[in-house]
């Protein structure tokens, strides 16, 4: 059987995307962004709802809220698909409007 690596989508989500592993995700993000995170909360539902029937369904690897107000989408990419800008804009366009409505 092949050894699974942390860069495998399934393993990455199981390791860093669980609420009981928030401290592990916090340590990873602090190492990447080189800033202290006071609080992190992993969102259970990382799917982005469709606004129209024809829209593509978006499923994030991990969605979390930092310090009570910063929403982050954490994606594990092993191979460059040459679409990071498009994917980021797609996810941003789905996350931000819902966040604005929820915050009122």
PDB file of N, CA and C in Angstrom:
ATOM      1  N   UNK A   1       0.845  -1.182   0.000  1.00  0.00           N
ATOM      2  CA  UNK A   1       0.000   0.000   0.000  1.00  0.00           C
ATOM      3  C   UNK A   1       0.891   1.246   0.000  1.00  0.00           C
ATOM      4  N   UNK A   2       0.495   2.223  -0.752  1.00  0.00           N
ATOM      5  CA  UNK A   2       1.254   3.476  -0.868  1.00  0.00           C
ATOM      6  C   UNK A   2       1.117   4.310   0.398  1.00  0.00           C
ATOM      7  N   UNK A   3       2.224   4.892   0.845  1.00  0.00           N
ATOM      8  CA  UNK A   3       2.173   5.799   1.990  1.00  0.00           C
ATOM      9  C   UNK A   3       1.521   7.099   1.573  1.00  0.00           C
ATOM     10  N   UNK A   4       0.571   7.561   2.358  1.00  0.00           N
ATOM     11  CA  UNK A   4      -0.098   8.815   2.062  1.00  0.00           C
ATOM     12  C   UNK A   4       0.712   9.967   2.631  1.00  0.00           C
ATOM     13  N   UNK A   5       0.796  11.034   1.870  1.00  0.00           N
ATOM     14  CA  UNK A   5       1.543  12.218   2.292  1.00  0.00           C
ATOM     15  C   UNK A   5       0.570  13.286   2.771  1.00  0.00           C
ATOM     16  N   UNK A   6       1.070  14.215   3.580  1.00  0.00           N
ATOM     17  CA  UNK A   6       0.241  15.300   4.101  1.00  0.00           C
ATOM     18  C   UNK A   6      -0.271  16.184   2.962  1.00  0.00           C
ATOM     19  N   UNK A   7       0.385  16.166   1.820  1.00  0.00           N
ATOM     20  CA  UNK A   7      -0.056  16.973   0.679  1.00  0.00           C
ATOM     21  C   UNK A   7      -1.223  16.328  -0.073  1.00  0.00           C
ATOM     22  N   UNK A   8      -1.585  15.110   0.274  1.00  0.00           N
ATOM     23  CA  UNK A   8      -2.763  14.466  -0.291  1.00  0.00           C
ATOM     24  C   UNK A   8      -3.994  15.205   0.236  1.00  0.00           C
ATOM     25  N   UNK A   9      -4.927  15.567  -0.649  1.00  0.00           N
ATOM     26  CA  UNK A   9      -6.122  16.336  -0.256  1.00  0.00           C
ATOM     27  C   UNK A   9      -6.856  15.706   0.930  1.00  0.00           C
ATOM     28  N   UNK A  10      -7.079  14.411   0.863  1.00  0.00           N
ATOM     29  CA  UNK A  10      -7.809  13.712   1.926  1.00  0.00           C
ATOM     30  C   UNK A  10      -7.071  13.816   3.257  1.00  0.00           C
ATOM     31  N   UNK A  11      -5.774  13.541   3.240  1.00  0.00           N
ATOM     32  CA  UNK A  11      -4.965  13.582   4.460  1.00  0.00           C
ATOM     33  C   UNK A  11      -4.893  15.012   4.995  1.00  0.00           C
ATOM     34  N   UNK A  12      -4.689  15.980   4.104  1.00  0.00           N
ATOM     35  CA  UNK A  12      -4.598  17.385   4.499  1.00  0.00           C
ATOM     36  C   UNK A  12      -5.870  17.830   5.223  1.00  0.00           C
ATOM     37  N   UNK A  13      -7.024  17.500   4.658  1.00  0.00           N
ATOM     38  CA  UNK A  13      -8.298  17.879   5.278  1.00  0.00           C
ATOM     39  C   UNK A  13      -8.494  17.181   6.623  1.00  0.00           C
ATOM     40  N   UNK A  14      -8.149  15.906   6.698  1.00  0.00           N
ATOM     41  CA  UNK A  14      -8.319  15.162   7.953  1.00  0.00           C
ATOM     42  C   UNK A  14      -7.383  15.677   9.044  1.00  0.00           C
ATOM     43  N   UNK A  15      -6.186  16.067   8.648  1.00  0.00           N
ATOM     44  CA  UNK A  15      -5.200  16.524   9.619  1.00  0.00           C
ATOM     45  C   UNK A  15      -5.455  17.956  10.081  1.00  0.00           C
ATOM     46  N   UNK A  16      -5.688  18.873   9.139  1.00  0.00           N
ATOM     47  CA  UNK A  16      -5.801  20.296   9.478  1.00  0.00           C
ATOM     48  C   UNK A  16      -7.236  20.828   9.482  1.00  0.00           C
ATOM     49  N   UNK A  17      -8.189  20.103   8.916  1.00  0.00           N
ATOM     50  CA  UNK A  17      -9.545  20.628   8.753  1.00  0.00           C
ATOM     51  C   UNK A  17     -10.538  20.220   9.814  1.00  0.00           C
ATOM     52  N   UNK A  18     -10.077  19.604  10.867  1.00  0.00           N
ATOM     53  CA  UNK A  18     -10.979  19.178  11.939  1.00  0.00           C
ATOM     54  C   UNK A  18     -10.933  20.189  13.083  1.00  0.00           C
ATOM     55  N   UNK A  19     -12.076  20.429  13.671  1.00  0.00           N
ATOM     56  CA  UNK A  19     -12.162  21.400  14.763  1.00  0.00           C
ATOM     57  C   UNK A  19     -11.273  21.014  15.939  1.00  0.00           C
ATOM     58  N   UNK A  20     -11.110  19.726  16.180  1.00  0.00           N
ATOM     59  CA  UNK A  20     -10.257  19.317  17.302  1.00  0.00           C
ATOM     60  C   UNK A  20      -8.766  19.484  17.002  1.00  0.00           C
ATOM     61  N   UNK A  21      -8.413  19.803  15.742  1.00  0.00           N
ATOM     62  CA  UNK A  21      -7.014  20.020  15.352  1.00  0.00           C
ATOM     63  C   UNK A  21      -6.735  21.493  15.029  1.00  0.00           C
ATOM     64  N   UNK A  22      -7.539  22.392  15.571  1.00  0.00           N
ATOM     65  CA  UNK A  22      -7.378  23.811  15.251  1.00  0.00           C
ATOM     66  C   UNK A  22      -6.006  24.359  15.642  1.00  0.00           C
ATOM     67  N   UNK A  23      -5.447  23.881  16.735  1.00  0.00           N
ATOM     68  CA  UNK A  23      -4.118  24.361  17.158  1.00  0.00           C
ATOM     69  C   UNK A  23      -3.048  23.976  16.139  1.00  0.00           C
ATOM     70  N   UNK A  24      -3.184  22.803  15.547  1.00  0.00           N
ATOM     71  CA  UNK A  24      -2.239  22.356  14.522  1.00  0.00           C
ATOM     72  C   UNK A  24      -2.339  23.256  13.289  1.00  0.00           C
ATOM     73  N   UNK A  25      -3.565  23.570  12.871  1.00  0.00           N
ATOM     74  CA  UNK A  25      -3.773  24.470  11.733  1.00  0.00           C
ATOM     75  C   UNK A  25      -3.245  25.858  12.062  1.00  0.00           C
ATOM     76  N   UNK A  26      -3.480  26.310  13.268  1.00  0.00           N
ATOM     77  CA  UNK A  26      -2.986  27.621  13.706  1.00  0.00           C
ATOM     78  C   UNK A  26      -1.467  27.682  13.592  1.00  0.00           C
ATOM     79  N   UNK A  27      -0.781  26.644  14.060  1.00  0.00           N
ATOM     80  CA  UNK A  27       0.682  26.603  13.965  1.00  0.00           C
ATOM     81  C   UNK A  27       1.149  26.633  12.510  1.00  0.00           C
ATOM     82  N   UNK A  28       0.475  25.892  11.633  1.00  0.00           N
ATOM     83  CA  UNK A  28       0.825  25.877  10.209  1.00  0.00           C
ATOM     84  C   UNK A  28       0.671  27.263   9.599  1.00  0.00           C
ATOM     85  N   UNK A  29      -0.472  27.902   9.835  1.00  0.00           N
ATOM     86  CA  UNK A  29      -0.727  29.223   9.258  1.00  0.00           C
ATOM     87  C   UNK A  29       0.225  30.279   9.798  1.00  0.00           C
ATOM     88  N   UNK A  30       0.507  30.232  11.087  1.00  0.00           N
ATOM     89  CA  UNK A  30       1.451  31.195  11.667  1.00  0.00           C
ATOM     90  C   UNK A  30       2.833  31.042  11.038  1.00  0.00           C
ATOM     91  N   UNK A  31       3.230  29.824  10.749  1.00  0.00           N
ATOM     92  CA  UNK A  31       4.530  29.594  10.106  1.00  0.00           C
ATOM     93  C   UNK A  31       4.540  30.125   8.677  1.00  0.00           C
ATOM     94  N   UNK A  32       3.403  30.046   8.000  1.00  0.00           N
ATOM     95  CA  UNK A  32       3.328  30.496   6.601  1.00  0.00           C
ATOM     96  C   UNK A  32       3.230  32.010   6.518  1.00  0.00           C
ATOM     97  N   UNK A  33       2.314  32.606   7.288  1.00  0.00           N
ATOM     98  CA  UNK A  33       2.084  34.049   7.154  1.00  0.00           C
ATOM     99  C   UNK A  33       2.975  34.886   8.068  1.00  0.00           C
ATOM    100  N   UNK A  34       3.676  34.214   8.972  1.00  0.00           N
ATOM    101  CA  UNK A  34       4.602  34.877   9.893  1.00  0.00           C
ATOM    102  C   UNK A  34       3.930  35.968  10.719  1.00  0.00           C
ATOM    103  N   UNK A  35       2.717  35.674  11.173  1.00  0.00           N
ATOM    104  CA  UNK A  35       1.966  36.560  12.065  1.00  0.00           C
ATOM    105  C   UNK A  35       1.299  35.703  13.127  1.00  0.00           C
ATOM    106  N   UNK A  36       1.103  36.296  14.290  1.00  0.00           N
ATOM    107  CA  UNK A  36       0.452  35.567  15.371  1.00  0.00           C
ATOM    108  C   UNK A  36      -1.058  35.555  15.153  1.00  0.00           C
ATOM    109  N   UNK A  37      -1.656  34.411  15.378  1.00  0.00           N
ATOM    110  CA  UNK A  37      -3.104  34.247  15.292  1.00  0.00           C
ATOM    111  C   UNK A  37      -3.609  34.050  16.717  1.00  0.00           C
ATOM    112  N   UNK A  38      -4.496  34.927  17.144  1.00  0.00           N
ATOM    113  CA  UNK A  38      -5.031  34.839  18.504  1.00  0.00           C
ATOM    114  C   UNK A  38      -6.064  33.721  18.626  1.00  0.00           C
ATOM    115  N   UNK A  39      -6.923  33.598  17.619  1.00  0.00           N
ATOM    116  CA  UNK A  39      -7.995  32.614  17.663  1.00  0.00           C
ATOM    117  C   UNK A  39      -8.233  32.086  16.262  1.00  0.00           C
ATOM    118  N   UNK A  40      -8.488  30.794  16.157  1.00  0.00           N
ATOM    119  CA  UNK A  40      -8.825  30.188  14.867  1.00  0.00           C
ATOM    120  C   UNK A  40     -10.034  29.290  15.065  1.00  0.00           C
ATOM    121  N   UNK A  41     -10.937  29.332  14.106  1.00  0.00           N
ATOM    122  CA  UNK A  41     -12.135  28.503  14.163  1.00  0.00           C
ATOM    123  C   UNK A  41     -12.348  27.871  12.786  1.00  0.00           C
ATOM    124  N   UNK A  42     -12.226  26.550  12.722  1.00  0.00           N
ATOM    125  CA  UNK A  42     -12.435  25.831  11.467  1.00  0.00           C
ATOM    126  C   UNK A  42     -13.932  25.728  11.236  1.00  0.00           C
ATOM    127  N   UNK A  43     -14.363  26.076  10.033  1.00  0.00           N
ATOM    128  CA  UNK A  43     -15.773  25.994   9.673  1.00  0.00           C
ATOM    129  C   UNK A  43     -16.097  24.567   9.255  1.00  0.00           C
ATOM    130  N   UNK A  44     -17.161  24.022   9.790  1.00  0.00           N
ATOM    131  CA  UNK A  44     -17.553  22.646   9.453  1.00  0.00           C
ATOM    132  C   UNK A  44     -17.902  22.516   7.976  1.00  0.00           C
ATOM    133  N   UNK A  45     -18.661  23.446   7.462  1.00  0.00           N
ATOM    134  CA  UNK A  45     -19.115  23.368   6.077  1.00  0.00           C
ATOM    135  C   UNK A  45     -18.187  24.181   5.189  1.00  0.00           C
ATOM    136  N   UNK A  46     -17.403  23.505   4.383  1.00  0.00           N
ATOM    137  CA  UNK A  46     -16.461  24.186   3.497  1.00  0.00           C
ATOM    138  C   UNK A  46     -16.971  24.222   2.073  1.00  0.00           C
ATOM    139  N   UNK A  47     -18.264  23.963   1.883  1.00  0.00           N
ATOM    140  CA  UNK A  47     -18.814  24.038   0.529  1.00  0.00           C
ATOM    141  C   UNK A  47     -19.416  25.420   0.304  1.00  0.00           C
ATOM    142  N   UNK A  48     -19.368  25.840  -0.939  1.00  0.00           N
ATOM    143  CA  UNK A  48     -19.913  27.138  -1.324  1.00  0.00           C
ATOM    144  C   UNK A  48     -21.222  26.902  -2.053  1.00  0.00           C
ATOM    145  N   UNK A  49     -22.281  27.482  -1.540  1.00  0.00           N
ATOM    146  CA  UNK A  49     -23.574  27.221  -2.159  1.00  0.00           C
ATOM    147  C   UNK A  49     -23.673  27.857  -3.537  1.00  0.00           C
ATOM    148  N   UNK A  50     -24.435  27.207  -4.384  1.00  0.00           N
ATOM    149  CA  UNK A  50     -24.673  27.720  -5.725  1.00  0.00           C
ATOM    150  C   UNK A  50     -25.699  28.850  -5.638  1.00  0.00           C
ATOM    151  N   UNK A  51     -25.462  29.906  -6.386  1.00  0.00           N
ATOM    152  CA  UNK A  51     -26.443  30.989  -6.418  1.00  0.00           C
ATOM    153  C   UNK A  51     -27.392  30.826  -7.593  1.00  0.00           C
ATOM    154  N   UNK A  52     -26.961  30.108  -8.603  1.00  0.00           N
ATOM    155  CA  UNK A  52     -27.792  29.774  -9.757  1.00  0.00           C
ATOM    156  C   UNK A  52     -27.618  28.294 -10.060  1.00  0.00           C
ATOM    157  N   UNK A  53     -28.623  27.678 -10.654  1.00  0.00           N
ATOM    158  CA  UNK A  53     -28.557  26.249 -10.943  1.00  0.00           C
ATOM    159  C   UNK A  53     -27.363  25.892 -11.826  1.00  0.00           C
ATOM    160  N   UNK A  54     -26.997  26.772 -12.737  1.00  0.00           N
ATOM    161  CA  UNK A  54     -25.908  26.489 -13.665  1.00  0.00           C
ATOM    162  C   UNK A  54     -24.521  26.731 -13.065  1.00  0.00           C
ATOM    163  N   UNK A  55     -24.465  27.351 -11.906  1.00  0.00           N
ATOM    164  CA  UNK A  55     -23.173  27.641 -11.278  1.00  0.00           C
ATOM    165  C   UNK A  55     -22.428  26.375 -10.889  1.00  0.00           C
ATOM    166  N   UNK A  56     -21.126  26.497 -10.846  1.00  0.00           N
ATOM    167  CA  UNK A  56     -20.262  25.419 -10.384  1.00  0.00           C
ATOM    168  C   UNK A  56     -20.317  25.369  -8.855  1.00  0.00           C
ATOM    169  N   UNK A  57     -20.314  24.157  -8.306  1.00  0.00           N
ATOM    170  CA  UNK A  57     -20.273  23.977  -6.858  1.00  0.00           C
ATOM    171  C   UNK A  57     -18.823  24.099  -6.415  1.00  0.00           C
ATOM    172  N   UNK A  58     -18.560  24.855  -5.388  1.00  0.00           N
ATOM    173  CA  UNK A  58     -17.202  25.004  -4.894  1.00  0.00           C
ATOM    174  C   UNK A  58     -17.053  24.300  -3.555  1.00  0.00           C
ATOM    175  N   UNK A  59     -16.012  23.513  -3.425  1.00  0.00           N
ATOM    176  CA  UNK A  59     -15.732  22.847  -2.162  1.00  0.00           C
ATOM    177  C   UNK A  59     -14.305  23.202  -1.778  1.00  0.00           C
ATOM    178  N   UNK A  60     -14.180  23.908  -0.669  1.00  0.00           N
ATOM    179  CA  UNK A  60     -12.872  24.337  -0.196  1.00  0.00           C
ATOM    180  C   UNK A  60     -12.195  23.205   0.566  1.00  0.00           C
ATOM    181  N   UNK A  61     -10.868  23.196   0.551  1.00  0.00           N
ATOM    182  CA  UNK A  61     -10.163  22.212   1.378  1.00  0.00           C
ATOM    183  C   UNK A  61     -10.464  22.522   2.838  1.00  0.00           C
ATOM    184  N   UNK A  62     -10.159  23.739   3.254  1.00  0.00           N
ATOM    185  CA  UNK A  62     -10.426  24.161   4.631  1.00  0.00           C
ATOM    186  C   UNK A  62     -10.853  25.628   4.616  1.00  0.00           C
ATOM    187  N   UNK A  63     -11.900  25.925   5.352  1.00  0.00           N
ATOM    188  CA  UNK A  63     -12.349  27.307   5.527  1.00  0.00           C
ATOM    189  C   UNK A  63     -12.276  27.591   7.022  1.00  0.00           C
ATOM    190  N   UNK A  64     -11.646  28.707   7.364  1.00  0.00           N
ATOM    191  CA  UNK A  64     -11.488  29.031   8.783  1.00  0.00           C
ATOM    192  C   UNK A  64     -11.653  30.526   9.000  1.00  0.00           C
ATOM    193  N   UNK A  65     -11.957  30.879  10.230  1.00  0.00           N
ATOM    194  CA  UNK A  65     -12.041  32.279  10.627  1.00  0.00           C
ATOM    195  C   UNK A  65     -10.925  32.539  11.627  1.00  0.00           C
ATOM    196  N   UNK A  66     -10.157  33.595  11.365  1.00  0.00           N
ATOM    197  CA  UNK A  66      -9.044  33.960  12.241  1.00  0.00           C
ATOM    198  C   UNK A  66      -9.401  35.209  13.030  1.00  0.00           C
ATOM    199  N   UNK A  67      -9.066  35.210  14.302  1.00  0.00           N
ATOM    200  CA  UNK A  67      -9.238  36.387  15.167  1.00  0.00           C
ATOM    201  C   UNK A  67     -10.637  36.983  15.073  1.00  0.00           C
ATOM    202  N   UNK A  68     -11.636  36.128  14.922  1.00  0.00           N
ATOM    203  CA  UNK A  68     -13.063  36.493  14.911  1.00  0.00           C
ATOM    204  C   UNK A  68     -13.568  37.214  13.678  1.00  0.00           C
ATOM    205  N   UNK A  69     -12.705  37.594  12.715  1.00  0.00           N
ATOM    206  CA  UNK A  69     -13.278  38.318  11.571  1.00  0.00           C
ATOM    207  C   UNK A  69     -12.570  38.116  10.245  1.00  0.00           C
ATOM    208  N   UNK A  70     -11.493  37.391  10.198  1.00  0.00           N
ATOM    209  CA  UNK A  70     -10.785  37.187   8.938  1.00  0.00           C
ATOM    210  C   UNK A  70     -11.094  35.784   8.429  1.00  0.00           C
ATOM    211  N   UNK A  71     -11.767  35.704   7.283  1.00  0.00           N
ATOM    212  CA  UNK A  71     -12.105  34.415   6.700  1.00  0.00           C
ATOM    213  C   UNK A  71     -10.982  34.016   5.753  1.00  0.00           C
ATOM    214  N   UNK A  72     -10.505  32.785   5.913  1.00  0.00           N
ATOM    215  CA  UNK A  72      -9.443  32.293   5.039  1.00  0.00           C
ATOM    216  C   UNK A  72      -9.867  30.991   4.378  1.00  0.00           C
ATOM    217  N   UNK A  73      -9.451  30.843   3.139  1.00  0.00           N
ATOM    218  CA  UNK A  73      -9.619  29.622   2.381  1.00  0.00           C
ATOM    219  C   UNK A  73      -8.231  29.011   2.266  1.00  0.00           C
ATOM    220  N   UNK A  74      -8.062  27.819   2.783  1.00  0.00           N
ATOM    221  CA  UNK A  74      -6.757  27.162   2.769  1.00  0.00           C
ATOM    222  C   UNK A  74      -6.833  26.000   1.793  1.00  0.00           C
ATOM    223  N   UNK A  75      -6.043  26.067   0.751  1.00  0.00           N
ATOM    224  CA  UNK A  75      -6.048  25.054  -0.297  1.00  0.00           C
ATOM    225  C   UNK A  75      -4.690  24.382  -0.389  1.00  0.00           C
ATOM    226  N   UNK A  76      -4.685  23.079  -0.512  1.00  0.00           N
ATOM    227  CA  UNK A  76      -3.445  22.325  -0.723  1.00  0.00           C
ATOM    228  C   UNK A  76      -3.312  22.059  -2.219  1.00  0.00           C
ATOM    229  N   UNK A  77      -2.264  22.572  -2.810  1.00  0.00           N
ATOM    230  CA  UNK A  77      -1.997  22.357  -4.234  1.00  0.00           C
ATOM    231  C   UNK A  77      -0.629  21.717  -4.389  1.00  0.00           C
ATOM    232  N   UNK A  78      -0.586  20.536  -4.954  1.00  0.00           N
ATOM    233  CA  UNK A  78       0.667  19.824  -5.164  1.00  0.00           C
ATOM    234  C   UNK A  78       1.213  20.124  -6.551  1.00  0.00           C
ATOM    235  N   UNK A  79       0.317  20.229  -7.491  1.00  0.00           N
ATOM    236  CA  UNK A  79       0.714  20.459  -8.879  1.00  0.00           C
ATOM    237  C   UNK A  79       0.112  21.778  -9.355  1.00  0.00           C
ATOM    238  N   UNK A  80       0.909  22.572 -10.045  1.00  0.00           N
ATOM    239  CA  UNK A  80       0.449  23.856 -10.564  1.00  0.00           C
ATOM    240  C   UNK A  80      -0.504  23.624 -11.729  1.00  0.00           C
ATOM    241  N   UNK A  81      -1.776  23.944 -11.499  1.00  0.00           N
ATOM    242  CA  UNK A  81      -2.796  23.783 -12.537  1.00  0.00           C
ATOM    243  C   UNK A  81      -2.937  25.036 -13.406  1.00  0.00           C
ATOM    244  N   UNK A  82      -2.122  26.039 -13.126  1.00  0.00           N
ATOM    245  CA  UNK A  82      -2.121  27.297 -13.883  1.00  0.00           C
ATOM    246  C   UNK A  82      -3.460  28.022 -13.790  1.00  0.00           C
ATOM    247  N   UNK A  83      -4.177  27.838 -12.682  1.00  0.00           N
ATOM    248  CA  UNK A  83      -5.475  28.495 -12.553  1.00  0.00           C
ATOM    249  C   UNK A  83      -5.700  29.096 -11.169  1.00  0.00           C
ATOM    250  N   UNK A  84      -4.625  29.362 -10.434  1.00  0.00           N
ATOM    251  CA  UNK A  84      -4.774  29.832  -9.049  1.00  0.00           C
ATOM    252  C   UNK A  84      -5.494  31.176  -8.969  1.00  0.00           C
ATOM    253  N   UNK A  85      -5.242  32.070  -9.919  1.00  0.00           N
ATOM    254  CA  UNK A  85      -5.920  33.374  -9.894  1.00  0.00           C
ATOM    255  C   UNK A  85      -7.416  33.181 -10.109  1.00  0.00           C
ATOM    256  N   UNK A  86      -7.783  32.402 -11.104  1.00  0.00           N
ATOM    257  CA  UNK A  86      -9.201  32.167 -11.389  1.00  0.00           C
ATOM    258  C   UNK A  86      -9.893  31.458 -10.217  1.00  0.00           C
ATOM    259  N   UNK A  87      -9.233  30.442  -9.668  1.00  0.00           N
ATOM    260  CA  UNK A  87      -9.811  29.709  -8.537  1.00  0.00           C
ATOM    261  C   UNK A  87      -9.969  30.619  -7.328  1.00  0.00           C
ATOM    262  N   UNK A  88      -8.960  31.432  -7.055  1.00  0.00           N
ATOM    263  CA  UNK A  88      -9.015  32.343  -5.908  1.00  0.00           C
ATOM    264  C   UNK A  88     -10.149  33.343  -6.063  1.00  0.00           C
ATOM    265  N   UNK A  89     -10.302  33.897  -7.245  1.00  0.00           N
ATOM    266  CA  UNK A  89     -11.398  34.841  -7.492  1.00  0.00           C
ATOM    267  C   UNK A  89     -12.761  34.166  -7.375  1.00  0.00           C
ATOM    268  N   UNK A  90     -12.859  32.944  -7.871  1.00  0.00           N
ATOM    269  CA  UNK A  90     -14.107  32.187  -7.771  1.00  0.00           C
ATOM    270  C   UNK A  90     -14.485  31.985  -6.306  1.00  0.00           C
ATOM    271  N   UNK A  91     -13.536  31.520  -5.484  1.00  0.00           N
ATOM    272  CA  UNK A  91     -13.807  31.293  -4.066  1.00  0.00           C
ATOM    273  C   UNK A  91     -14.092  32.610  -3.347  1.00  0.00           C
ATOM    274  N   UNK A  92     -13.298  33.640  -3.634  1.00  0.00           N
ATOM    275  CA  UNK A  92     -13.490  34.946  -2.999  1.00  0.00           C
ATOM    276  C   UNK A  92     -14.892  35.486  -3.293  1.00  0.00           C
ATOM    277  N   UNK A  93     -15.317  35.376  -4.545  1.00  0.00           N
ATOM    278  CA  UNK A  93     -16.628  35.897  -4.944  1.00  0.00           C
ATOM    279  C   UNK A  93     -17.766  35.157  -4.244  1.00  0.00           C
ATOM    280  N   UNK A  94     -17.541  33.917  -3.858  1.00  0.00           N
ATOM    281  CA  UNK A  94     -18.573  33.153  -3.160  1.00  0.00           C
ATOM    282  C   UNK A  94     -18.530  33.370  -1.651  1.00  0.00           C
ATOM    283  N   UNK A  95     -17.345  33.575  -1.091  1.00  0.00           N
ATOM    284  CA  UNK A  95     -17.211  33.714   0.365  1.00  0.00           C
ATOM    285  C   UNK A  95     -17.601  35.103   0.838  1.00  0.00           C
ATOM    286  N   UNK A  96     -17.095  36.146   0.202  1.00  0.00           N
ATOM    287  CA  UNK A  96     -17.259  37.513   0.690  1.00  0.00           C
ATOM    288  C   UNK A  96     -18.718  37.970   0.745  1.00  0.00           C
ATOM    289  N   UNK A  97     -19.519  37.813  -0.321  1.00  0.00           N
ATOM    290  CA  UNK A  97     -20.915  38.284  -0.207  1.00  0.00           C
ATOM    291  C   UNK A  97     -21.678  37.617   0.926  1.00  0.00           C
ATOM    292  N   UNK A  98     -21.478  36.327   1.146  1.00  0.00           N
ATOM    293  CA  UNK A  98     -22.175  35.628   2.217  1.00  0.00           C
ATOM    294  C   UNK A  98     -21.697  36.144   3.572  1.00  0.00           C
ATOM    295  N   UNK A  99     -20.396  36.430   3.689  1.00  0.00           N
ATOM    296  CA  UNK A  99     -19.834  36.963   4.933  1.00  0.00           C
ATOM    297  C   UNK A  99     -20.422  38.347   5.232  1.00  0.00           C
ATOM    298  N   UNK A 100     -20.564  39.199   4.213  1.00  0.00           N
ATOM    299  CA  UNK A 100     -21.121  40.543   4.394  1.00  0.00           C
ATOM    300  C   UNK A 100     -22.566  40.451   4.871  1.00  0.00           C
ATOM    301  N   UNK A 101     -23.340  39.558   4.279  1.00  0.00           N
ATOM    302  CA  UNK A 101     -24.741  39.396   4.666  1.00  0.00           C
ATOM    303  C   UNK A 101     -24.834  38.899   6.109  1.00  0.00           C
ATOM    304  N   UNK A 102     -23.988  37.932   6.477  1.00  0.00           N
ATOM    305  CA  UNK A 102     -24.018  37.391   7.837  1.00  0.00           C
ATOM    306  C   UNK A 102     -23.622  38.445   8.867  1.00  0.00           C
ATOM    307  N   UNK A 103     -22.685  39.313   8.522  1.00  0.00           N
ATOM    308  CA  UNK A 103     -22.218  40.339   9.458  1.00  0.00           C
ATOM    309  C   UNK A 103     -23.181  41.518   9.564  1.00  0.00           C
ATOM    310  N   UNK A 104     -24.036  41.661   8.529  1.00  0.00           N
ATOM    311  CA  UNK A 104     -25.036  42.716   8.525  1.00  0.00           C
ATOM    312  C   UNK A 104     -24.433  44.030   8.332  1.00  0.00           C
TER     313      UNK A 104
END
